[in-house]
């Protein structure tokens, strides 16, 4: 089967063969499956001794997770990022993060030591 390329609609999404502006692939992103419990831990490994707080298991899509992380960073007044579905916050923010996530309606557990 051969494709005919046209410049009328601009770039075409390879997943759904629709114009990128009306792509259906992004709308159908699946929510990660899990047990529904957000686990908060602290880690220093690979960070030259600097501690970060990790929050994993949040059942949200990538865009919603980035939005939640931005909101939490502002409330915690700290930096951080989202990598591979895990939110990272600078410093030891476990107790404050647990309170904020419970207020948002998530079931939260502190993991690790």
N, C-alpha and C. Protein backbone atom coordinates (compact mmCIF):
# COMPACT_ATOMS: atom_id res chain seq x y z
N UNK A 1 0.85 -1.17 0.00
CA UNK A 1 0.00 0.00 0.00
C UNK A 1 0.89 1.24 0.00
N UNK A 2 0.69 2.11 -0.92
CA UNK A 2 1.49 3.31 -1.01
C UNK A 2 0.74 4.49 -0.45
N UNK A 3 1.48 5.44 0.07
CA UNK A 3 0.89 6.65 0.65
C UNK A 3 1.09 7.80 -0.31
N UNK A 4 0.11 8.64 -0.39
CA UNK A 4 0.23 9.86 -1.15
C UNK A 4 0.37 10.98 -0.14
N UNK A 5 1.46 11.72 -0.23
CA UNK A 5 1.70 12.80 0.72
C UNK A 5 1.19 14.11 0.16
N UNK A 6 0.56 14.88 1.01
CA UNK A 6 0.01 16.15 0.60
C UNK A 6 0.42 17.21 1.60
N UNK A 7 0.58 18.42 1.15
CA UNK A 7 0.95 19.51 2.05
C UNK A 7 -0.26 20.35 2.45
N UNK A 8 -1.45 19.92 2.05
CA UNK A 8 -2.65 20.68 2.39
C UNK A 8 -2.89 20.76 3.89
N UNK A 9 -2.66 19.66 4.59
CA UNK A 9 -2.99 19.59 6.01
C UNK A 9 -1.75 19.72 6.90
N UNK A 10 -0.58 19.83 6.34
CA UNK A 10 0.63 19.91 7.15
C UNK A 10 1.13 18.54 7.52
N UNK A 11 1.75 18.44 8.67
CA UNK A 11 2.33 17.17 9.10
C UNK A 11 1.24 16.17 9.51
N UNK A 12 1.49 14.91 9.22
CA UNK A 12 0.55 13.84 9.51
C UNK A 12 1.13 12.98 10.65
N UNK A 13 0.29 12.65 11.61
CA UNK A 13 0.70 11.78 12.71
C UNK A 13 0.88 10.36 12.19
N UNK A 14 2.02 9.71 12.47
CA UNK A 14 2.23 8.35 11.97
C UNK A 14 1.35 7.31 12.67
N UNK A 15 0.84 7.63 13.85
CA UNK A 15 0.02 6.67 14.59
C UNK A 15 -1.40 6.57 14.11
N UNK A 16 -2.03 7.71 13.84
CA UNK A 16 -3.46 7.70 13.49
C UNK A 16 -3.75 8.26 12.10
N UNK A 17 -2.72 8.64 11.36
CA UNK A 17 -2.85 9.18 10.00
C UNK A 17 -3.77 10.40 9.92
N UNK A 18 -3.80 11.17 10.98
CA UNK A 18 -4.56 12.42 11.01
C UNK A 18 -3.58 13.59 11.06
N UNK A 19 -4.03 14.80 10.70
CA UNK A 19 -3.13 15.95 10.87
C UNK A 19 -2.70 16.08 12.32
N UNK A 20 -1.48 16.53 12.56
CA UNK A 20 -0.94 16.63 13.91
C UNK A 20 -1.80 17.52 14.80
N UNK A 21 -2.42 18.54 14.22
CA UNK A 21 -3.26 19.44 15.01
C UNK A 21 -4.52 18.75 15.53
N UNK A 22 -4.99 17.70 14.86
CA UNK A 22 -6.19 16.99 15.33
C UNK A 22 -5.88 15.52 15.59
N UNK A 23 -4.70 15.25 16.10
CA UNK A 23 -4.24 13.89 16.39
C UNK A 23 -5.09 13.27 17.49
N UNK A 24 -5.45 11.99 17.27
CA UNK A 24 -6.24 11.27 18.27
C UNK A 24 -5.37 10.42 19.19
N UNK A 25 -4.12 10.24 18.85
CA UNK A 25 -3.22 9.40 19.65
C UNK A 25 -3.01 9.97 21.05
N UNK A 26 -2.78 11.28 21.14
CA UNK A 26 -2.53 11.91 22.43
C UNK A 26 -3.75 11.86 23.32
N UNK A 27 -4.93 11.94 22.73
CA UNK A 27 -6.16 11.91 23.51
C UNK A 27 -6.43 10.53 24.09
N UNK A 28 -5.84 9.50 23.48
CA UNK A 28 -6.10 8.14 23.91
C UNK A 28 -5.00 7.57 24.80
N UNK A 29 -4.15 8.42 25.35
CA UNK A 29 -3.09 7.93 26.23
C UNK A 29 -3.71 7.24 27.44
N UNK A 30 -3.21 6.07 27.72
CA UNK A 30 -3.75 5.29 28.81
C UNK A 30 -3.20 5.77 30.15
N UNK A 31 -4.05 5.69 31.16
CA UNK A 31 -3.61 6.01 32.51
C UNK A 31 -2.81 4.81 33.02
N UNK A 32 -1.64 5.04 33.61
CA UNK A 32 -0.84 3.91 34.08
C UNK A 32 -1.60 3.10 35.13
N UNK A 33 -1.51 1.77 34.98
CA UNK A 33 -2.20 0.92 35.94
C UNK A 33 -1.32 0.73 37.18
N UNK A 34 -1.95 0.50 38.27
CA UNK A 34 -1.23 0.30 39.53
C UNK A 34 -2.23 -0.03 40.61
N UNK A 35 -1.79 0.02 41.85
CA UNK A 35 -2.68 -0.30 42.95
C UNK A 35 -3.38 0.93 43.51
N UNK A 36 -3.13 2.10 42.94
CA UNK A 36 -3.81 3.31 43.37
C UNK A 36 -3.19 3.99 44.58
N UNK A 37 -2.04 3.52 45.01
CA UNK A 37 -1.37 4.09 46.17
C UNK A 37 -0.15 4.87 45.70
N UNK A 38 -0.05 6.12 46.13
CA UNK A 38 1.10 6.96 45.81
C UNK A 38 2.16 6.69 46.87
N UNK A 39 3.36 6.32 46.42
CA UNK A 39 4.45 6.03 47.35
C UNK A 39 5.47 7.17 47.31
N UNK A 40 5.81 7.66 48.50
CA UNK A 40 6.75 8.77 48.63
C UNK A 40 8.00 8.24 49.30
N UNK A 41 9.15 8.50 48.67
CA UNK A 41 10.42 8.04 49.24
C UNK A 41 11.47 9.13 49.07
N UNK A 42 12.59 8.94 49.74
CA UNK A 42 13.71 9.88 49.66
C UNK A 42 14.90 9.14 49.10
N UNK A 43 15.65 9.80 48.22
CA UNK A 43 16.78 9.14 47.57
C UNK A 43 17.94 10.12 47.41
N UNK A 44 19.17 9.61 47.59
CA UNK A 44 20.36 10.43 47.36
C UNK A 44 21.27 9.77 46.32
N UNK A 45 20.96 8.57 45.92
CA UNK A 45 21.79 7.80 45.02
C UNK A 45 21.95 8.49 43.66
N UNK A 46 23.19 8.66 43.23
CA UNK A 46 23.48 9.25 41.94
C UNK A 46 23.29 10.76 41.88
N UNK A 47 23.19 11.40 43.02
CA UNK A 47 22.96 12.85 43.06
C UNK A 47 24.02 13.57 43.89
N UNK A 48 25.19 12.98 44.04
CA UNK A 48 26.30 13.57 44.78
C UNK A 48 25.91 13.96 46.20
N UNK A 49 25.10 13.12 46.86
CA UNK A 49 24.72 13.35 48.24
C UNK A 49 23.53 14.25 48.44
N UNK A 50 23.05 14.88 47.39
CA UNK A 50 21.89 15.76 47.51
C UNK A 50 20.63 14.90 47.54
N UNK A 51 19.78 15.14 48.52
CA UNK A 51 18.57 14.35 48.66
C UNK A 51 17.41 14.89 47.84
N UNK A 52 16.63 13.97 47.28
CA UNK A 52 15.40 14.35 46.59
C UNK A 52 14.27 13.47 47.12
N UNK A 53 13.05 13.99 47.01
CA UNK A 53 11.87 13.25 47.40
C UNK A 53 11.20 12.77 46.12
N UNK A 54 10.88 11.48 46.05
CA UNK A 54 10.27 10.88 44.88
C UNK A 54 8.83 10.49 45.20
N UNK A 55 7.92 10.79 44.28
CA UNK A 55 6.52 10.37 44.40
C UNK A 55 6.19 9.54 43.18
N UNK A 56 5.90 8.26 43.38
CA UNK A 56 5.60 7.36 42.27
C UNK A 56 4.23 6.72 42.47
N UNK A 57 3.66 6.23 41.37
CA UNK A 57 2.38 5.54 41.43
C UNK A 57 1.17 6.45 41.31
N UNK A 58 1.36 7.68 40.86
CA UNK A 58 0.22 8.59 40.68
C UNK A 58 -0.50 8.19 39.40
N UNK A 59 -1.79 7.82 39.49
CA UNK A 59 -2.51 7.33 38.32
C UNK A 59 -3.01 8.46 37.41
N UNK A 60 -2.08 9.13 36.72
CA UNK A 60 -2.42 10.23 35.82
C UNK A 60 -1.65 10.07 34.51
N UNK A 61 -2.15 10.70 33.45
CA UNK A 61 -1.43 10.73 32.19
C UNK A 61 -0.24 11.68 32.33
N UNK A 62 0.63 11.68 31.35
CA UNK A 62 1.85 12.49 31.42
C UNK A 62 1.55 13.98 31.57
N UNK A 63 0.61 14.49 30.79
CA UNK A 63 0.29 15.92 30.85
C UNK A 63 -0.31 16.30 32.21
N UNK A 64 -1.22 15.47 32.71
CA UNK A 64 -1.84 15.75 34.01
C UNK A 64 -0.81 15.63 35.13
N UNK A 65 0.13 14.69 35.00
CA UNK A 65 1.18 14.51 36.01
C UNK A 65 2.10 15.72 36.05
N UNK A 66 2.45 16.26 34.88
CA UNK A 66 3.30 17.46 34.84
C UNK A 66 2.59 18.65 35.46
N UNK A 67 1.30 18.76 35.21
CA UNK A 67 0.52 19.85 35.79
C UNK A 67 0.45 19.74 37.31
N UNK A 68 0.21 18.52 37.81
CA UNK A 68 0.16 18.29 39.25
C UNK A 68 1.52 18.58 39.89
N UNK A 69 2.60 18.14 39.24
CA UNK A 69 3.94 18.37 39.78
C UNK A 69 4.25 19.86 39.85
N UNK A 70 3.85 20.61 38.84
CA UNK A 70 4.08 22.06 38.85
C UNK A 70 3.33 22.70 40.01
N UNK A 71 2.09 22.29 40.20
CA UNK A 71 1.28 22.82 41.30
C UNK A 71 1.91 22.50 42.66
N UNK A 72 2.37 21.27 42.81
CA UNK A 72 2.99 20.86 44.08
C UNK A 72 4.32 21.59 44.32
N UNK A 73 5.12 21.78 43.27
CA UNK A 73 6.38 22.51 43.42
C UNK A 73 6.13 23.93 43.90
N UNK A 74 5.09 24.55 43.38
CA UNK A 74 4.77 25.91 43.81
C UNK A 74 4.35 25.94 45.27
N UNK A 75 3.55 24.96 45.69
CA UNK A 75 3.10 24.92 47.09
C UNK A 75 4.24 24.58 48.05
N UNK A 76 5.20 23.76 47.58
CA UNK A 76 6.34 23.39 48.42
C UNK A 76 7.47 24.41 48.34
N UNK A 77 7.40 25.34 47.41
CA UNK A 77 8.45 26.34 47.18
C UNK A 77 9.80 25.67 46.96
N UNK A 78 9.82 24.71 46.05
CA UNK A 78 11.04 23.98 45.75
C UNK A 78 11.10 23.64 44.28
N UNK A 79 12.23 23.17 43.82
CA UNK A 79 12.38 22.76 42.43
C UNK A 79 12.10 21.28 42.29
N UNK A 80 12.07 20.83 41.05
CA UNK A 80 11.84 19.42 40.81
C UNK A 80 11.55 19.17 39.35
N UNK A 81 11.20 17.91 39.06
CA UNK A 81 10.91 17.53 37.68
C UNK A 81 10.06 16.27 37.66
N UNK A 82 9.66 15.88 36.46
CA UNK A 82 8.93 14.62 36.25
C UNK A 82 9.75 13.79 35.27
N UNK A 83 10.13 12.59 35.69
CA UNK A 83 10.90 11.69 34.85
C UNK A 83 10.29 10.30 34.89
N UNK A 84 9.93 9.77 33.74
CA UNK A 84 9.40 8.40 33.62
C UNK A 84 8.21 8.15 34.55
N UNK A 85 7.32 9.11 34.69
CA UNK A 85 6.14 8.94 35.52
C UNK A 85 6.38 9.08 37.01
N UNK A 86 7.58 9.54 37.40
CA UNK A 86 7.91 9.74 38.80
C UNK A 86 8.20 11.22 39.03
N UNK A 87 7.53 11.80 40.01
CA UNK A 87 7.76 13.20 40.34
C UNK A 87 8.94 13.30 41.31
N UNK A 88 9.86 14.22 41.04
CA UNK A 88 11.03 14.44 41.89
C UNK A 88 10.97 15.85 42.44
N UNK A 89 11.22 15.99 43.74
CA UNK A 89 11.24 17.30 44.40
C UNK A 89 12.55 17.43 45.15
N UNK A 90 13.17 18.59 45.08
CA UNK A 90 14.44 18.80 45.74
C UNK A 90 14.25 18.86 47.26
N UNK A 91 15.16 18.21 47.97
CA UNK A 91 15.14 18.23 49.43
C UNK A 91 14.24 17.16 50.02
N UNK A 92 14.19 17.12 51.35
CA UNK A 92 13.35 16.17 52.07
C UNK A 92 11.98 16.80 52.28
N UNK A 93 11.04 16.49 51.41
CA UNK A 93 9.71 17.08 51.43
C UNK A 93 8.63 16.03 51.73
N UNK A 94 9.00 14.91 52.35
CA UNK A 94 8.07 13.79 52.48
C UNK A 94 6.80 14.13 53.25
N UNK A 95 6.93 14.74 54.42
CA UNK A 95 5.74 15.01 55.23
C UNK A 95 4.83 16.05 54.58
N UNK A 96 5.42 17.11 54.07
CA UNK A 96 4.62 18.16 53.42
C UNK A 96 3.96 17.63 52.15
N UNK A 97 4.68 16.82 51.38
CA UNK A 97 4.14 16.26 50.16
C UNK A 97 3.01 15.29 50.46
N UNK A 98 3.16 14.51 51.52
CA UNK A 98 2.11 13.57 51.92
C UNK A 98 0.83 14.33 52.25
N UNK A 99 0.95 15.41 53.01
CA UNK A 99 -0.23 16.20 53.38
C UNK A 99 -0.90 16.81 52.15
N UNK A 100 -0.11 17.33 51.22
CA UNK A 100 -0.68 17.94 50.01
C UNK A 100 -1.38 16.92 49.13
N UNK A 101 -0.77 15.75 48.96
CA UNK A 101 -1.38 14.72 48.11
C UNK A 101 -2.64 14.15 48.75
N UNK A 102 -2.65 14.01 50.07
CA UNK A 102 -3.86 13.53 50.75
C UNK A 102 -4.98 14.55 50.62
N UNK A 103 -4.64 15.83 50.64
CA UNK A 103 -5.63 16.87 50.45
C UNK A 103 -6.23 16.82 49.04
N UNK A 104 -5.41 16.38 48.06
CA UNK A 104 -5.86 16.24 46.67
C UNK A 104 -6.73 15.00 46.49
N UNK A 105 -6.75 14.09 47.49
CA UNK A 105 -7.61 12.93 47.43
C UNK A 105 -6.90 11.62 47.09
N UNK A 106 -5.58 11.59 47.14
CA UNK A 106 -4.82 10.39 46.86
C UNK A 106 -4.54 9.61 48.14
N UNK A 107 -4.45 8.29 48.01
CA UNK A 107 -4.04 7.45 49.12
C UNK A 107 -2.51 7.39 49.09
N UNK A 108 -1.86 7.79 50.19
CA UNK A 108 -0.41 7.99 50.19
C UNK A 108 0.24 7.11 51.26
N UNK A 109 1.40 6.54 50.90
CA UNK A 109 2.22 5.80 51.85
C UNK A 109 3.65 6.30 51.77
N UNK A 110 4.31 6.39 52.92
CA UNK A 110 5.73 6.72 52.94
C UNK A 110 6.51 5.43 52.79
N UNK A 111 7.37 5.38 51.77
CA UNK A 111 8.14 4.16 51.48
C UNK A 111 9.60 4.41 51.80
N UNK A 112 10.31 3.36 52.12
CA UNK A 112 11.75 3.47 52.37
C UNK A 112 12.04 3.99 53.76
N UNK A 113 13.29 4.32 53.99
CA UNK A 113 13.72 4.70 55.32
C UNK A 113 13.81 6.16 55.57
